[in-house]
Amino acid sequence: MPSITALAERLGQRLRERGLQVSCAESCTGGGIAEAITRIAGCSAWFEAGYVTYSNAQKTAQLGVPADLFAKVGAVSREVVEAMAQGALQRSGAQLAVAVSGIAGPGGGTADKPVGTIWLAWADQTRCGSLCCHFSGDRAAIRRQTIEQALEGLLALAGGEPLPAGR
């Protein structure tokens, strides 16, 4: 797989070519997606905003995620990341968005959602797709794999390709 910087460079080129801007809503990556994107010179032309919403309260306050979703499905779920992506899209004015929520470890996992369970979602004005991944390794490795997957999905979204989907 290409490096995170190489993925961000490809994403920037694709977004510049299409005149699009992107925003991200992050939980377990703590701003890592935004950091990867802003490594690239000239990113102000295509990066609109990054939201680091670690707590459920901030997912609601900053992104408009319905508060009742957390009790129903948990923060690490398709419904929550899709709402996060839609919120980032609507609140930032960007044309594309990515959102992530997961359990990077080393603690916090359960039998149903073990460490390494990560939900990602990508959205534009007409579609939203999500994917559940089960990454392995330590906290840093899980976060790195999440950032890579997020950038890969943004590349697909920016290129009009099918979005990653499924569980």
N, C-alpha and C. Protein backbone atom coordinates (compact mmCIF):
# COMPACT_ATOMS: atom_id res chain seq x y z
N MET A 1 0.85 -1.18 0.00
CA MET A 1 0.00 0.00 0.00
C MET A 1 0.89 1.24 0.00
N PRO A 2 0.50 2.27 -0.75
CA PRO A 2 1.28 3.51 -0.76
C PRO A 2 1.32 4.13 0.64
N SER A 3 2.30 4.96 0.87
CA SER A 3 2.41 5.63 2.17
C SER A 3 1.24 6.59 2.35
N ILE A 4 1.02 6.98 3.60
CA ILE A 4 -0.05 7.94 3.89
C ILE A 4 0.20 9.24 3.14
N THR A 5 1.44 9.69 3.11
CA THR A 5 1.74 10.93 2.40
C THR A 5 1.46 10.79 0.91
N ALA A 6 1.82 9.66 0.31
CA ALA A 6 1.55 9.44 -1.11
C ALA A 6 0.05 9.42 -1.38
N LEU A 7 -0.72 8.79 -0.50
CA LEU A 7 -2.18 8.78 -0.66
C LEU A 7 -2.74 10.20 -0.58
N ALA A 8 -2.25 10.98 0.38
CA ALA A 8 -2.72 12.36 0.53
C ALA A 8 -2.35 13.20 -0.69
N GLU A 9 -1.17 12.98 -1.25
CA GLU A 9 -0.77 13.70 -2.47
C GLU A 9 -1.69 13.35 -3.63
N ARG A 10 -2.00 12.07 -3.80
CA ARG A 10 -2.92 11.66 -4.87
C ARG A 10 -4.30 12.26 -4.66
N LEU A 11 -4.75 12.25 -3.41
CA LEU A 11 -6.05 12.84 -3.10
C LEU A 11 -6.06 14.32 -3.44
N GLY A 12 -5.03 15.04 -3.04
CA GLY A 12 -4.96 16.47 -3.34
C GLY A 12 -4.99 16.75 -4.83
N GLN A 13 -4.25 15.96 -5.58
CA GLN A 13 -4.23 16.14 -7.04
C GLN A 13 -5.62 15.91 -7.62
N ARG A 14 -6.28 14.86 -7.18
CA ARG A 14 -7.62 14.54 -7.70
C ARG A 14 -8.63 15.62 -7.33
N LEU A 15 -8.56 16.10 -6.10
CA LEU A 15 -9.48 17.15 -5.67
C LEU A 15 -9.24 18.45 -6.41
N ARG A 16 -7.97 18.82 -6.60
CA ARG A 16 -7.64 20.04 -7.37
C ARG A 16 -8.17 19.94 -8.79
N GLU A 17 -7.97 18.78 -9.43
CA GLU A 17 -8.43 18.59 -10.80
C GLU A 17 -9.94 18.77 -10.93
N ARG A 18 -10.67 18.38 -9.89
CA ARG A 18 -12.13 18.42 -9.94
C ARG A 18 -12.73 19.63 -9.22
N GLY A 19 -11.87 20.46 -8.64
CA GLY A 19 -12.35 21.65 -7.95
C GLY A 19 -13.20 21.34 -6.72
N LEU A 20 -12.84 20.28 -6.00
CA LEU A 20 -13.60 19.85 -4.83
C LEU A 20 -12.85 20.11 -3.54
N GLN A 21 -13.62 20.23 -2.46
CA GLN A 21 -13.05 20.35 -1.14
C GLN A 21 -13.55 19.22 -0.26
N VAL A 22 -12.74 18.86 0.74
CA VAL A 22 -13.04 17.76 1.63
C VAL A 22 -12.99 18.21 3.08
N SER A 23 -13.80 17.55 3.91
CA SER A 23 -13.77 17.72 5.36
C SER A 23 -13.71 16.35 6.00
N CYS A 24 -13.25 16.30 7.24
CA CYS A 24 -13.21 15.02 7.93
C CYS A 24 -13.75 15.17 9.35
N ALA A 25 -14.36 14.09 9.82
CA ALA A 25 -14.89 14.01 11.18
C ALA A 25 -14.21 12.79 11.81
N GLU A 26 -13.41 13.03 12.84
CA GLU A 26 -12.58 11.97 13.39
C GLU A 26 -12.84 11.75 14.87
N SER A 27 -12.79 10.50 15.24
CA SER A 27 -12.81 10.14 16.65
C SER A 27 -11.50 9.43 16.96
N CYS A 28 -11.40 8.15 16.71
CA CYS A 28 -10.24 7.36 17.14
C CYS A 28 -8.92 7.77 16.50
N THR A 29 -8.94 8.48 15.38
CA THR A 29 -7.71 8.92 14.75
C THR A 29 -7.25 10.28 15.28
N GLY A 30 -8.07 10.94 16.07
CA GLY A 30 -7.68 12.15 16.77
C GLY A 30 -7.10 13.26 15.91
N GLY A 31 -7.54 13.40 14.70
CA GLY A 31 -7.03 14.42 13.80
C GLY A 31 -5.97 13.91 12.83
N GLY A 32 -5.70 12.61 12.86
CA GLY A 32 -4.67 12.04 11.99
C GLY A 32 -4.97 12.16 10.50
N ILE A 33 -6.24 12.09 10.14
CA ILE A 33 -6.61 12.24 8.72
C ILE A 33 -6.34 13.68 8.28
N ALA A 34 -6.78 14.64 9.10
CA ALA A 34 -6.53 16.05 8.80
C ALA A 34 -5.03 16.33 8.74
N GLU A 35 -4.27 15.75 9.64
CA GLU A 35 -2.82 15.95 9.64
C GLU A 35 -2.20 15.42 8.36
N ALA A 36 -2.65 14.24 7.93
CA ALA A 36 -2.11 13.66 6.69
C ALA A 36 -2.42 14.56 5.49
N ILE A 37 -3.63 15.05 5.44
CA ILE A 37 -4.04 15.92 4.33
C ILE A 37 -3.24 17.22 4.34
N THR A 38 -3.04 17.79 5.52
CA THR A 38 -2.37 19.08 5.59
C THR A 38 -0.85 18.97 5.50
N ARG A 39 -0.31 17.78 5.35
CA ARG A 39 1.12 17.62 5.04
C ARG A 39 1.41 18.16 3.64
N ILE A 40 0.37 18.18 2.81
CA ILE A 40 0.56 18.48 1.39
C ILE A 40 0.47 19.98 1.15
N ALA A 41 1.52 20.54 0.58
CA ALA A 41 1.53 21.97 0.27
C ALA A 41 0.38 22.30 -0.66
N GLY A 42 -0.28 23.41 -0.40
CA GLY A 42 -1.40 23.85 -1.23
C GLY A 42 -2.73 23.25 -0.83
N CYS A 43 -2.75 22.50 0.27
CA CYS A 43 -3.99 21.83 0.68
C CYS A 43 -5.11 22.79 1.03
N SER A 44 -4.79 24.05 1.27
CA SER A 44 -5.85 25.01 1.59
C SER A 44 -6.82 25.18 0.42
N ALA A 45 -6.41 24.78 -0.77
CA ALA A 45 -7.30 24.84 -1.93
C ALA A 45 -8.34 23.72 -1.92
N TRP A 46 -8.09 22.66 -1.14
CA TRP A 46 -9.02 21.52 -1.19
C TRP A 46 -9.37 20.91 0.15
N PHE A 47 -8.81 21.42 1.24
CA PHE A 47 -9.18 20.95 2.57
C PHE A 47 -9.97 22.04 3.28
N GLU A 48 -11.20 21.74 3.63
CA GLU A 48 -12.09 22.74 4.22
C GLU A 48 -12.04 22.74 5.74
N ALA A 49 -12.23 21.58 6.38
CA ALA A 49 -12.32 21.54 7.84
C ALA A 49 -12.09 20.15 8.37
N GLY A 50 -11.64 20.10 9.62
CA GLY A 50 -11.51 18.84 10.33
C GLY A 50 -12.17 18.96 11.69
N TYR A 51 -12.95 17.98 12.04
CA TYR A 51 -13.63 17.93 13.33
C TYR A 51 -13.09 16.74 14.10
N VAL A 52 -12.52 16.99 15.27
CA VAL A 52 -12.09 15.90 16.15
C VAL A 52 -13.12 15.84 17.27
N THR A 53 -13.98 14.85 17.17
CA THR A 53 -15.11 14.72 18.11
C THR A 53 -14.97 13.39 18.84
N TYR A 54 -14.16 13.41 19.88
CA TYR A 54 -13.87 12.18 20.59
C TYR A 54 -15.03 11.76 21.47
N SER A 55 -15.67 12.70 22.13
CA SER A 55 -16.80 12.35 23.00
C SER A 55 -18.10 12.30 22.21
N ASN A 56 -19.04 11.54 22.72
CA ASN A 56 -20.36 11.48 22.09
C ASN A 56 -21.02 12.86 22.12
N ALA A 57 -20.83 13.59 23.22
CA ALA A 57 -21.43 14.93 23.33
C ALA A 57 -20.94 15.84 22.22
N GLN A 58 -19.67 15.75 21.85
CA GLN A 58 -19.15 16.59 20.78
C GLN A 58 -19.57 16.10 19.40
N LYS A 59 -19.76 14.81 19.26
CA LYS A 59 -20.31 14.31 17.99
C LYS A 59 -21.69 14.93 17.75
N THR A 60 -22.45 15.08 18.82
CA THR A 60 -23.77 15.71 18.72
C THR A 60 -23.63 17.22 18.53
N ALA A 61 -22.83 17.87 19.38
CA ALA A 61 -22.71 19.33 19.34
C ALA A 61 -22.09 19.85 18.04
N GLN A 62 -21.01 19.22 17.59
CA GLN A 62 -20.29 19.74 16.43
C GLN A 62 -20.81 19.21 15.10
N LEU A 63 -21.35 17.99 15.12
CA LEU A 63 -21.72 17.35 13.85
C LEU A 63 -23.20 17.04 13.72
N GLY A 64 -23.96 17.25 14.79
CA GLY A 64 -25.39 17.01 14.72
C GLY A 64 -25.80 15.55 14.77
N VAL A 65 -24.93 14.68 15.28
CA VAL A 65 -25.29 13.26 15.42
C VAL A 65 -26.41 13.17 16.47
N PRO A 66 -27.53 12.55 16.13
CA PRO A 66 -28.62 12.44 17.11
C PRO A 66 -28.14 11.73 18.39
N ALA A 67 -28.37 12.36 19.53
CA ALA A 67 -27.89 11.84 20.80
C ALA A 67 -28.43 10.45 21.11
N ASP A 68 -29.65 10.16 20.67
CA ASP A 68 -30.24 8.86 20.97
C ASP A 68 -29.57 7.70 20.23
N LEU A 69 -28.80 7.98 19.19
CA LEU A 69 -28.11 6.91 18.46
C LEU A 69 -27.10 6.17 19.34
N PHE A 70 -26.45 6.88 20.24
CA PHE A 70 -25.40 6.26 21.04
C PHE A 70 -25.95 5.16 21.93
N ALA A 71 -27.12 5.38 22.51
CA ALA A 71 -27.74 4.36 23.36
C ALA A 71 -28.26 3.20 22.51
N LYS A 72 -28.70 3.50 21.29
CA LYS A 72 -29.27 2.46 20.43
C LYS A 72 -28.22 1.56 19.79
N VAL A 73 -27.16 2.18 19.21
CA VAL A 73 -26.21 1.40 18.43
C VAL A 73 -24.75 1.58 18.84
N GLY A 74 -24.48 2.53 19.73
CA GLY A 74 -23.11 2.78 20.15
C GLY A 74 -22.38 3.72 19.21
N ALA A 75 -21.31 4.32 19.72
CA ALA A 75 -20.54 5.28 18.93
C ALA A 75 -19.80 4.61 17.77
N VAL A 76 -19.45 3.35 17.95
CA VAL A 76 -18.73 2.62 16.91
C VAL A 76 -19.76 1.82 16.12
N SER A 77 -20.37 2.51 15.14
CA SER A 77 -21.46 1.90 14.38
C SER A 77 -21.62 2.61 13.03
N ARG A 78 -22.28 1.91 12.12
CA ARG A 78 -22.57 2.47 10.80
C ARG A 78 -23.39 3.75 10.92
N GLU A 79 -24.42 3.69 11.74
CA GLU A 79 -25.32 4.83 11.85
C GLU A 79 -24.60 6.09 12.34
N VAL A 80 -23.73 5.92 13.31
CA VAL A 80 -23.03 7.08 13.86
C VAL A 80 -22.02 7.64 12.86
N VAL A 81 -21.21 6.81 12.22
CA VAL A 81 -20.22 7.37 11.28
C VAL A 81 -20.89 7.99 10.07
N GLU A 82 -22.00 7.41 9.63
CA GLU A 82 -22.71 8.03 8.51
C GLU A 82 -23.27 9.39 8.92
N ALA A 83 -23.79 9.50 10.13
CA ALA A 83 -24.28 10.79 10.62
C ALA A 83 -23.12 11.78 10.79
N MET A 84 -21.97 11.30 11.24
CA MET A 84 -20.79 12.16 11.36
C MET A 84 -20.37 12.69 9.99
N ALA A 85 -20.32 11.82 8.99
CA ALA A 85 -19.92 12.25 7.65
C ALA A 85 -20.91 13.26 7.09
N GLN A 86 -22.20 13.00 7.25
CA GLN A 86 -23.22 13.94 6.77
C GLN A 86 -23.10 15.27 7.51
N GLY A 87 -22.85 15.22 8.81
CA GLY A 87 -22.70 16.45 9.59
C GLY A 87 -21.49 17.26 9.14
N ALA A 88 -20.37 16.59 8.89
CA ALA A 88 -19.17 17.29 8.43
C ALA A 88 -19.42 17.93 7.06
N LEU A 89 -20.12 17.22 6.21
CA LEU A 89 -20.44 17.73 4.88
C LEU A 89 -21.31 18.98 4.98
N GLN A 90 -22.37 18.89 5.74
CA GLN A 90 -23.32 19.99 5.85
C GLN A 90 -22.74 21.19 6.58
N ARG A 91 -22.02 20.95 7.66
CA ARG A 91 -21.54 22.07 8.48
C ARG A 91 -20.32 22.76 7.89
N SER A 92 -19.54 22.06 7.08
CA SER A 92 -18.33 22.66 6.52
C SER A 92 -18.55 23.31 5.17
N GLY A 93 -19.54 22.86 4.44
CA GLY A 93 -19.74 23.36 3.08
C GLY A 93 -18.87 22.67 2.05
N ALA A 94 -18.07 21.69 2.47
CA ALA A 94 -17.25 20.92 1.52
C ALA A 94 -18.16 20.03 0.68
N GLN A 95 -17.63 19.54 -0.42
CA GLN A 95 -18.39 18.64 -1.28
C GLN A 95 -18.21 17.16 -0.92
N LEU A 96 -17.14 16.85 -0.17
CA LEU A 96 -16.83 15.47 0.22
C LEU A 96 -16.49 15.42 1.71
N ALA A 97 -16.79 14.29 2.34
CA ALA A 97 -16.44 14.13 3.75
C ALA A 97 -16.12 12.67 4.05
N VAL A 98 -15.30 12.49 5.07
CA VAL A 98 -14.99 11.18 5.62
C VAL A 98 -15.19 11.25 7.12
N ALA A 99 -15.62 10.14 7.72
CA ALA A 99 -15.77 10.07 9.17
C ALA A 99 -15.27 8.72 9.66
N VAL A 100 -14.70 8.72 10.87
CA VAL A 100 -14.23 7.48 11.49
C VAL A 100 -14.58 7.45 12.97
N SER A 101 -14.91 6.25 13.43
CA SER A 101 -15.12 6.00 14.85
C SER A 101 -14.75 4.55 15.10
N GLY A 102 -13.98 4.31 16.16
CA GLY A 102 -13.57 2.94 16.40
C GLY A 102 -12.87 2.76 17.73
N ILE A 103 -12.34 1.56 17.88
CA ILE A 103 -11.66 1.17 19.12
C ILE A 103 -10.21 0.86 18.77
N ALA A 104 -9.33 1.82 19.04
CA ALA A 104 -7.93 1.68 18.68
C ALA A 104 -7.12 0.96 19.74
N GLY A 105 -7.68 0.80 20.94
CA GLY A 105 -7.01 0.05 21.99
C GLY A 105 -5.99 0.86 22.76
N PRO A 106 -5.28 0.23 23.66
CA PRO A 106 -5.29 -1.22 23.86
C PRO A 106 -6.52 -1.72 24.61
N GLY A 107 -7.23 -0.84 25.31
CA GLY A 107 -8.44 -1.26 26.02
C GLY A 107 -9.67 -0.77 25.27
N GLY A 108 -10.83 -1.00 25.88
CA GLY A 108 -12.08 -0.49 25.33
C GLY A 108 -12.86 -1.46 24.48
N GLY A 109 -12.26 -2.56 24.11
CA GLY A 109 -12.95 -3.53 23.27
C GLY A 109 -13.93 -4.37 24.06
N THR A 110 -14.90 -4.94 23.35
CA THR A 110 -15.87 -5.86 23.92
C THR A 110 -15.93 -7.10 23.03
N ALA A 111 -16.71 -8.08 23.44
CA ALA A 111 -16.87 -9.28 22.61
C ALA A 111 -17.49 -8.93 21.26
N ASP A 112 -18.45 -8.00 21.26
CA ASP A 112 -19.11 -7.60 20.01
C ASP A 112 -18.28 -6.64 19.17
N LYS A 113 -17.49 -5.81 19.85
CA LYS A 113 -16.66 -4.81 19.18
C LYS A 113 -15.27 -4.85 19.78
N PRO A 114 -14.46 -5.81 19.31
CA PRO A 114 -13.10 -5.93 19.87
C PRO A 114 -12.20 -4.79 19.42
N VAL A 115 -11.07 -4.64 20.12
CA VAL A 115 -10.06 -3.67 19.71
C VAL A 115 -9.73 -3.90 18.23
N GLY A 116 -9.65 -2.82 17.49
CA GLY A 116 -9.39 -2.89 16.05
C GLY A 116 -10.64 -2.74 15.21
N THR A 117 -11.82 -2.72 15.85
CA THR A 117 -13.07 -2.50 15.12
C THR A 117 -13.19 -1.02 14.80
N ILE A 118 -13.26 -0.72 13.52
CA ILE A 118 -13.32 0.67 13.06
C ILE A 118 -14.44 0.79 12.01
N TRP A 119 -15.29 1.78 12.20
CA TRP A 119 -16.29 2.12 11.18
C TRP A 119 -15.83 3.39 10.47
N LEU A 120 -15.93 3.38 9.16
CA LEU A 120 -15.61 4.55 8.33
C LEU A 120 -16.80 4.85 7.45
N ALA A 121 -17.00 6.12 7.12
CA ALA A 121 -18.05 6.52 6.19
C ALA A 121 -17.52 7.64 5.31
N TRP A 122 -17.99 7.65 4.06
CA TRP A 122 -17.64 8.67 3.09
C TRP A 122 -18.93 9.20 2.50
N ALA A 123 -19.01 10.51 2.30
CA ALA A 123 -20.24 11.10 1.78
C ALA A 123 -19.94 12.24 0.82
N ASP A 124 -20.85 12.38 -0.15
CA ASP A 124 -20.89 13.58 -0.97
C ASP A 124 -22.34 14.04 -0.99
N GLN A 125 -22.70 14.90 -1.88
CA GLN A 125 -24.06 15.45 -1.88
C GLN A 125 -25.13 14.42 -2.23
N THR A 126 -24.76 13.32 -2.86
CA THR A 126 -25.77 12.36 -3.32
C THR A 126 -25.64 10.96 -2.75
N ARG A 127 -24.54 10.65 -2.11
CA ARG A 127 -24.36 9.28 -1.61
C ARG A 127 -23.53 9.24 -0.34
N CYS A 128 -23.72 8.16 0.38
CA CYS A 128 -22.96 7.92 1.60
C CYS A 128 -22.70 6.42 1.67
N GLY A 129 -21.47 6.03 1.88
CA GLY A 129 -21.12 4.62 2.01
C GLY A 129 -20.31 4.41 3.26
N SER A 130 -20.44 3.25 3.85
CA SER A 130 -19.70 2.96 5.08
C SER A 130 -19.11 1.57 5.04
N LEU A 131 -18.13 1.36 5.89
CA LEU A 131 -17.39 0.11 5.92
C LEU A 131 -16.91 -0.15 7.34
N CYS A 132 -17.07 -1.39 7.80
CA CYS A 132 -16.51 -1.80 9.08
C CYS A 132 -15.24 -2.59 8.81
N CYS A 133 -14.16 -2.17 9.44
CA CYS A 133 -12.88 -2.85 9.29
C CYS A 133 -12.45 -3.42 10.64
N HIS A 134 -11.68 -4.47 10.57
CA HIS A 134 -11.11 -5.08 11.77
C HIS A 134 -9.59 -5.10 11.58
N PHE A 135 -8.94 -4.07 12.10
CA PHE A 135 -7.50 -3.92 11.95
C PHE A 135 -6.79 -4.59 13.13
N SER A 136 -5.53 -4.95 12.90
CA SER A 136 -4.75 -5.58 13.96
C SER A 136 -3.51 -4.76 14.25
N GLY A 137 -2.88 -5.09 15.36
CA GLY A 137 -1.68 -4.40 15.77
C GLY A 137 -1.93 -3.56 17.00
N ASP A 138 -0.93 -2.75 17.34
CA ASP A 138 -1.07 -1.88 18.50
C ASP A 138 -1.87 -0.63 18.11
N ARG A 139 -2.05 0.26 19.06
CA ARG A 139 -2.85 1.47 18.84
C ARG A 139 -2.35 2.27 17.63
N ALA A 140 -1.04 2.46 17.53
CA ALA A 140 -0.48 3.23 16.42
C ALA A 140 -0.77 2.55 15.08
N ALA A 141 -0.63 1.23 15.03
CA ALA A 141 -0.88 0.49 13.79
C ALA A 141 -2.35 0.58 13.38
N ILE A 142 -3.24 0.46 14.34
CA ILE A 142 -4.67 0.53 14.04
C ILE A 142 -5.03 1.92 13.53
N ARG A 143 -4.50 2.94 14.16
CA ARG A 143 -4.77 4.30 13.71
C ARG A 143 -4.19 4.54 12.31
N ARG A 144 -2.99 4.05 12.04
CA ARG A 144 -2.37 4.20 10.72
C ARG A 144 -3.22 3.52 9.64
N GLN A 145 -3.66 2.29 9.91
CA GLN A 145 -4.49 1.57 8.94
C GLN A 145 -5.82 2.29 8.70
N THR A 146 -6.36 2.89 9.74
CA THR A 146 -7.61 3.64 9.61
C THR A 146 -7.42 4.86 8.72
N ILE A 147 -6.34 5.59 8.92
CA ILE A 147 -6.05 6.77 8.10
C ILE A 147 -5.86 6.36 6.65
N GLU A 148 -5.13 5.28 6.41
CA GLU A 148 -4.94 4.79 5.04
C GLU A 148 -6.27 4.45 4.39
N GLN A 149 -7.13 3.72 5.10
CA GLN A 149 -8.43 3.34 4.55
C GLN A 149 -9.30 4.57 4.28
N ALA A 150 -9.23 5.54 5.19
CA ALA A 150 -10.01 6.78 5.01
C ALA A 150 -9.58 7.51 3.74
N LEU A 151 -8.27 7.61 3.52
CA LEU A 151 -7.76 8.30 2.32
C LEU A 151 -8.09 7.52 1.06
N GLU A 152 -7.98 6.19 1.10
CA GLU A 152 -8.35 5.36 -0.06
C GLU A 152 -9.81 5.59 -0.43
N GLY A 153 -10.69 5.62 0.58
CA GLY A 153 -12.11 5.85 0.32
C GLY A 153 -12.36 7.24 -0.25
N LEU A 154 -11.64 8.25 0.25
CA LEU A 154 -11.78 9.59 -0.31
C LEU A 154 -11.34 9.65 -1.76
N LEU A 155 -10.27 8.92 -2.08
CA LEU A 155 -9.83 8.86 -3.48
C LEU A 155 -10.93 8.28 -4.37
N ALA A 156 -11.57 7.22 -3.90
CA ALA A 156 -12.67 6.62 -4.67
C ALA A 156 -13.83 7.60 -4.80
N LEU A 157 -14.19 8.24 -3.71
CA LEU A 157 -15.29 9.20 -3.72
C LEU A 157 -14.99 10.36 -4.68
N ALA A 158 -13.78 10.90 -4.60
CA ALA A 158 -13.40 12.03 -5.45
C ALA A 158 -13.34 11.63 -6.92
N GLY A 159 -13.11 10.35 -7.18
CA GLY A 159 -13.03 9.88 -8.56
C GLY A 159 -14.34 9.37 -9.11
N GLY A 160 -15.41 9.47 -8.31
CA GLY A 160 -16.71 8.99 -8.76
C GLY A 160 -16.79 7.47 -8.81
N GLU A 161 -15.86 6.80 -8.16
CA GLU A 161 -15.83 5.33 -8.15
C GLU A 161 -16.79 4.81 -7.09
N PRO A 162 -17.12 3.52 -7.13
CA PRO A 162 -17.96 2.95 -6.07
C PRO A 162 -17.29 3.11 -4.72
N LEU A 163 -18.09 3.42 -3.72
CA LEU A 163 -17.57 3.58 -2.37
C LEU A 163 -17.40 2.23 -1.70
N PRO A 164 -16.40 2.13 -0.82
CA PRO A 164 -16.31 0.91 -0.02
C PRO A 164 -17.62 0.74 0.75
N ALA A 165 -18.07 -0.48 0.88
CA ALA A 165 -19.32 -0.72 1.59
C ALA A 165 -19.30 -2.12 2.19
N GLY A 166 -20.11 -2.31 3.21
CA GLY A 166 -20.26 -3.62 3.80
C GLY A 166 -19.81 -3.68 5.23
N ARG A 167 -19.79 -4.86 5.76
CA ARG A 167 -19.36 -5.05 7.14
C ARG A 167 -18.13 -5.91 7.18
